[in-house]
Every structure is written in C-alpha cells, then in structure tokens.
N, C-alpha and C. Protein backbone atom coordinates (compact mmCIF):
# COMPACT_ATOMS: atom_id res chain seq x y z
N MET A 1 18.60 -19.54 75.96
CA MET A 1 19.28 -18.27 76.03
C MET A 1 20.51 -18.27 75.11
N ARG A 2 21.32 -19.30 75.21
CA ARG A 2 22.53 -19.40 74.40
C ARG A 2 22.19 -19.45 72.91
N LEU A 3 21.13 -20.17 72.55
CA LEU A 3 20.70 -20.29 71.17
C LEU A 3 20.34 -18.93 70.59
N LYS A 4 19.63 -18.12 71.35
CA LYS A 4 19.25 -16.78 70.89
C LYS A 4 20.49 -15.93 70.63
N ARG A 5 21.46 -16.03 71.50
CA ARG A 5 22.69 -15.26 71.35
C ARG A 5 23.43 -15.67 70.07
N LEU A 6 23.50 -16.98 69.82
CA LEU A 6 24.18 -17.47 68.62
C LEU A 6 23.44 -17.03 67.36
N LYS A 7 22.12 -17.03 67.40
CA LYS A 7 21.33 -16.59 66.26
C LYS A 7 21.55 -15.10 65.98
N ARG A 8 21.62 -14.30 67.04
CA ARG A 8 21.85 -12.86 66.86
C ARG A 8 23.21 -12.58 66.25
N LYS A 9 24.20 -13.37 66.60
CA LYS A 9 25.55 -13.19 66.06
C LYS A 9 25.66 -13.74 64.64
N GLY A 10 24.61 -14.37 64.15
CA GLY A 10 24.63 -14.91 62.79
C GLY A 10 25.34 -16.24 62.69
N LEU A 11 25.57 -16.90 63.81
CA LEU A 11 26.25 -18.19 63.79
C LEU A 11 25.28 -19.33 63.53
N ILE A 12 24.02 -19.09 63.75
CA ILE A 12 22.99 -20.10 63.47
C ILE A 12 21.90 -19.42 62.65
N SER A 13 21.60 -19.98 61.52
CA SER A 13 20.48 -19.46 60.75
C SER A 13 19.46 -20.58 60.62
N MET A 14 18.30 -20.31 61.06
CA MET A 14 17.25 -21.30 61.03
C MET A 14 16.31 -21.03 59.86
N GLY A 15 16.59 -21.66 58.73
CA GLY A 15 15.71 -21.55 57.60
C GLY A 15 15.79 -20.25 56.82
N LYS A 16 16.81 -19.45 57.04
CA LYS A 16 16.92 -18.19 56.32
C LYS A 16 17.57 -18.36 54.96
N ARG A 17 18.43 -19.31 54.83
CA ARG A 17 19.12 -19.54 53.56
C ARG A 17 18.58 -20.80 52.92
N PRO A 18 18.42 -20.76 51.59
CA PRO A 18 17.99 -22.00 50.93
C PRO A 18 19.10 -23.04 50.97
N ARG A 19 18.71 -24.28 51.13
CA ARG A 19 19.72 -25.33 51.17
C ARG A 19 20.27 -25.56 49.77
N PRO A 20 21.52 -25.98 49.68
CA PRO A 20 22.08 -26.23 48.35
C PRO A 20 21.38 -27.42 47.69
N LYS A 21 21.11 -27.29 46.41
CA LYS A 21 20.45 -28.36 45.67
C LYS A 21 21.47 -29.07 44.79
N PRO A 22 21.36 -30.39 44.70
CA PRO A 22 22.27 -31.12 43.81
C PRO A 22 22.03 -30.71 42.36
N LYS A 23 23.06 -30.21 41.71
CA LYS A 23 22.92 -29.71 40.34
C LYS A 23 22.80 -30.83 39.31
N LYS A 24 23.41 -31.97 39.61
CA LYS A 24 23.42 -33.07 38.64
C LYS A 24 22.28 -34.07 38.82
N LEU A 25 21.47 -33.88 39.85
CA LEU A 25 20.39 -34.81 40.13
C LEU A 25 19.42 -34.97 38.95
N PRO A 26 18.95 -33.89 38.33
CA PRO A 26 18.02 -34.08 37.20
C PRO A 26 18.61 -34.95 36.09
N ALA A 27 19.85 -34.72 35.74
CA ALA A 27 20.49 -35.50 34.67
C ALA A 27 20.65 -36.96 35.08
N LYS A 28 20.95 -37.20 36.35
CA LYS A 28 21.11 -38.57 36.83
C LYS A 28 19.78 -39.32 36.80
N LEU A 29 18.69 -38.63 37.19
CA LEU A 29 17.38 -39.28 37.16
C LEU A 29 16.97 -39.60 35.73
N CYS A 30 17.24 -38.69 34.83
CA CYS A 30 16.94 -38.92 33.41
C CYS A 30 17.79 -40.07 32.86
N ALA A 31 19.05 -40.13 33.28
CA ALA A 31 19.95 -41.20 32.82
C ALA A 31 19.46 -42.57 33.29
N ILE A 32 18.90 -42.64 34.48
CA ILE A 32 18.37 -43.91 34.99
C ILE A 32 17.22 -44.37 34.10
N ARG A 33 16.30 -43.46 33.81
CA ARG A 33 15.15 -43.82 32.97
C ARG A 33 15.60 -44.27 31.59
N GLN A 34 16.54 -43.54 31.01
CA GLN A 34 17.02 -43.87 29.67
C GLN A 34 17.83 -45.17 29.67
N HIS A 35 18.58 -45.42 30.74
CA HIS A 35 19.38 -46.65 30.83
C HIS A 35 18.49 -47.89 30.76
N PHE A 36 17.35 -47.81 31.43
CA PHE A 36 16.43 -48.94 31.43
C PHE A 36 15.42 -48.88 30.28
N ASP A 37 15.60 -47.90 29.38
CA ASP A 37 14.78 -47.75 28.19
C ASP A 37 13.29 -47.67 28.55
N LEU A 38 12.98 -46.79 29.51
CA LEU A 38 11.61 -46.64 29.98
C LEU A 38 11.05 -45.29 29.55
N SER A 39 9.78 -45.27 29.24
CA SER A 39 9.09 -44.00 29.05
C SER A 39 8.79 -43.44 30.44
N GLN A 40 8.34 -42.20 30.50
CA GLN A 40 8.01 -41.64 31.81
C GLN A 40 6.86 -42.39 32.47
N SER A 41 5.88 -42.81 31.70
CA SER A 41 4.76 -43.55 32.30
C SER A 41 5.20 -44.94 32.76
N GLN A 42 6.12 -45.56 32.04
CA GLN A 42 6.65 -46.85 32.48
C GLN A 42 7.47 -46.68 33.76
N LEU A 43 8.20 -45.58 33.85
CA LEU A 43 8.99 -45.32 35.06
C LEU A 43 8.09 -45.12 36.26
N VAL A 44 6.97 -44.41 36.07
CA VAL A 44 6.02 -44.22 37.16
C VAL A 44 5.59 -45.57 37.72
N ARG A 45 5.28 -46.52 36.83
CA ARG A 45 4.86 -47.85 37.27
C ARG A 45 6.02 -48.60 37.93
N ALA A 46 7.22 -48.46 37.39
CA ALA A 46 8.39 -49.16 37.94
C ALA A 46 8.75 -48.64 39.33
N LEU A 47 8.57 -47.34 39.55
CA LEU A 47 8.88 -46.77 40.86
C LEU A 47 7.81 -47.12 41.89
N ASP A 48 6.63 -47.48 41.42
CA ASP A 48 5.52 -47.86 42.30
C ASP A 48 5.22 -46.77 43.33
N CYS A 49 5.14 -45.54 42.85
CA CYS A 49 4.80 -44.39 43.68
C CYS A 49 3.60 -43.69 43.06
N GLU A 50 2.95 -42.88 43.84
CA GLU A 50 1.82 -42.10 43.31
C GLU A 50 2.37 -40.84 42.67
N LEU A 51 2.86 -41.00 41.45
CA LEU A 51 3.44 -39.89 40.69
C LEU A 51 2.75 -39.80 39.34
N SER A 52 2.93 -38.68 38.69
CA SER A 52 2.42 -38.52 37.32
C SER A 52 3.60 -38.40 36.37
N ASN A 53 3.32 -38.55 35.09
CA ASN A 53 4.37 -38.36 34.09
C ASN A 53 4.91 -36.94 34.18
N ALA A 54 4.02 -35.99 34.45
CA ALA A 54 4.44 -34.59 34.55
C ALA A 54 5.43 -34.40 35.69
N ARG A 55 5.22 -35.11 36.79
CA ARG A 55 6.13 -34.98 37.93
C ARG A 55 7.51 -35.53 37.57
N ILE A 56 7.56 -36.65 36.86
CA ILE A 56 8.84 -37.20 36.40
C ILE A 56 9.55 -36.18 35.52
N SER A 57 8.81 -35.55 34.65
CA SER A 57 9.37 -34.52 33.77
C SER A 57 9.94 -33.36 34.60
N GLU A 58 9.23 -32.96 35.63
CA GLU A 58 9.71 -31.87 36.50
C GLU A 58 11.00 -32.26 37.20
N TYR A 59 11.10 -33.52 37.64
CA TYR A 59 12.34 -33.99 38.26
C TYR A 59 13.49 -33.94 37.27
N GLU A 60 13.23 -34.39 36.05
CA GLU A 60 14.29 -34.48 35.04
C GLU A 60 14.68 -33.09 34.50
N ASN A 61 13.77 -32.13 34.56
CA ASN A 61 14.07 -30.77 34.12
C ASN A 61 14.63 -29.90 35.25
N GLY A 62 14.59 -30.41 36.48
CA GLY A 62 15.12 -29.66 37.61
C GLY A 62 14.19 -28.61 38.17
N THR A 63 12.91 -28.64 37.79
CA THR A 63 11.97 -27.66 38.33
C THR A 63 11.40 -28.09 39.68
N ARG A 64 11.51 -29.37 39.99
CA ARG A 64 11.11 -29.90 41.31
C ARG A 64 12.14 -30.91 41.76
N GLU A 65 12.22 -31.09 43.07
CA GLU A 65 13.09 -32.12 43.63
C GLU A 65 12.23 -33.26 44.15
N PRO A 66 12.66 -34.49 43.90
CA PRO A 66 11.89 -35.63 44.42
C PRO A 66 12.03 -35.74 45.94
N SER A 67 11.03 -36.33 46.55
CA SER A 67 11.08 -36.58 47.99
C SER A 67 12.10 -37.67 48.28
N LEU A 68 12.41 -37.83 49.53
CA LEU A 68 13.35 -38.87 49.94
C LEU A 68 12.83 -40.25 49.56
N LEU A 69 11.53 -40.47 49.69
CA LEU A 69 10.93 -41.75 49.32
C LEU A 69 11.11 -42.03 47.82
N VAL A 70 10.90 -41.02 47.01
CA VAL A 70 11.06 -41.20 45.56
C VAL A 70 12.52 -41.46 45.22
N LEU A 71 13.44 -40.74 45.87
CA LEU A 71 14.87 -41.00 45.64
C LEU A 71 15.24 -42.43 46.03
N LEU A 72 14.66 -42.90 47.10
CA LEU A 72 14.91 -44.28 47.53
C LEU A 72 14.42 -45.26 46.47
N ARG A 73 13.26 -45.00 45.89
CA ARG A 73 12.72 -45.88 44.84
C ARG A 73 13.62 -45.86 43.60
N TYR A 74 14.08 -44.67 43.22
CA TYR A 74 15.02 -44.56 42.09
C TYR A 74 16.29 -45.36 42.39
N SER A 75 16.82 -45.22 43.59
CA SER A 75 18.08 -45.90 43.92
C SER A 75 17.91 -47.42 43.92
N LYS A 76 16.78 -47.90 44.39
CA LYS A 76 16.53 -49.34 44.37
C LYS A 76 16.37 -49.85 42.94
N LEU A 77 15.67 -49.10 42.13
CA LEU A 77 15.46 -49.48 40.74
C LEU A 77 16.81 -49.58 40.01
N ALA A 78 17.68 -48.61 40.25
CA ALA A 78 18.95 -48.53 39.53
C ALA A 78 20.09 -49.28 40.23
N HIS A 79 19.82 -49.82 41.42
CA HIS A 79 20.85 -50.52 42.20
C HIS A 79 22.05 -49.62 42.49
N VAL A 80 21.74 -48.39 42.92
CA VAL A 80 22.77 -47.44 43.33
C VAL A 80 22.36 -46.87 44.69
N THR A 81 23.29 -46.20 45.35
CA THR A 81 22.96 -45.57 46.62
C THR A 81 22.32 -44.21 46.39
N ILE A 82 21.56 -43.77 47.35
CA ILE A 82 20.98 -42.43 47.28
C ILE A 82 22.12 -41.41 47.23
N ASN A 83 23.18 -41.69 47.95
CA ASN A 83 24.33 -40.80 47.96
C ASN A 83 24.86 -40.57 46.54
N MET A 84 24.88 -41.62 45.74
CA MET A 84 25.36 -41.50 44.37
C MET A 84 24.44 -40.59 43.56
N LEU A 85 23.17 -40.57 43.90
CA LEU A 85 22.23 -39.72 43.19
C LEU A 85 22.38 -38.24 43.56
N VAL A 86 22.54 -37.97 44.83
CA VAL A 86 22.50 -36.57 45.28
C VAL A 86 23.87 -35.91 45.40
N ASP A 87 24.93 -36.68 45.41
CA ASP A 87 26.27 -36.11 45.53
C ASP A 87 26.80 -35.77 44.14
N ASP A 88 26.96 -34.49 43.87
CA ASP A 88 27.44 -34.05 42.56
C ASP A 88 28.87 -34.49 42.27
N ASP A 89 29.61 -34.84 43.29
CA ASP A 89 31.00 -35.29 43.09
C ASP A 89 31.09 -36.76 42.69
N LEU A 90 29.99 -37.50 42.83
CA LEU A 90 29.98 -38.92 42.49
C LEU A 90 29.33 -39.12 41.12
N LYS A 91 30.00 -39.89 40.30
CA LYS A 91 29.46 -40.21 38.98
C LYS A 91 28.46 -41.36 39.10
N LEU A 92 27.39 -41.27 38.37
CA LEU A 92 26.37 -42.32 38.37
C LEU A 92 26.90 -43.54 37.63
N LYS A 93 26.96 -44.67 38.33
CA LYS A 93 27.42 -45.92 37.74
C LYS A 93 26.26 -46.90 37.73
N LEU A 94 25.73 -47.13 36.55
CA LEU A 94 24.58 -48.03 36.41
C LEU A 94 25.04 -49.42 35.98
N PRO A 95 24.34 -50.46 36.46
CA PRO A 95 24.73 -51.85 36.12
C PRO A 95 24.54 -52.17 34.65
C-alpha cells in the first residue's frame, strides 16, 4: 500500500527513466585494447568471452554497453577496478 502511494507521488519510479550511462566507458575500453597493443580479435581471445569483433567495436563506439561479466574480464585484463571503468570521475590508470 505504501509503495503504491509513493509511486503515485512520483517519489519512486520503477523503470520509467533510463539509467545514466558512463560517458567515458567506450574510450576507456578502447584505451585498454590499445595499451596492450591488441586487435579486436586478439582482445576477444584475451577476454575469454563469447564475443565477436563487432561487439568489441560496438562497446568502443558506445552503441552497446558490455555486461557486468565482460566489464569484469576487462578489469582483470587491465588490472584495474570495475569502478575505475564505469566512474566518469576516475581516470583510467593502466600499468
């Protein structure tokens, strides 16, 4: 009952607004690949995920967002935290 009242007052929106997307994520993902001097196909193998070169391109162009699992693989490859990847206020620091 209380939840319905809060929703009517506009205090809770369940899926009505798109979530904010990290604006710098595509550039950070591209920077990781370039830092390790990998082609997109080499990156697919290094991430050890079921991805295509086209999907990597979509991530780097910002037309798609990677899943949490893919972000985790990127972060392990680059030895950075996921937070560093998705937080636009944090600069990407690669080893």
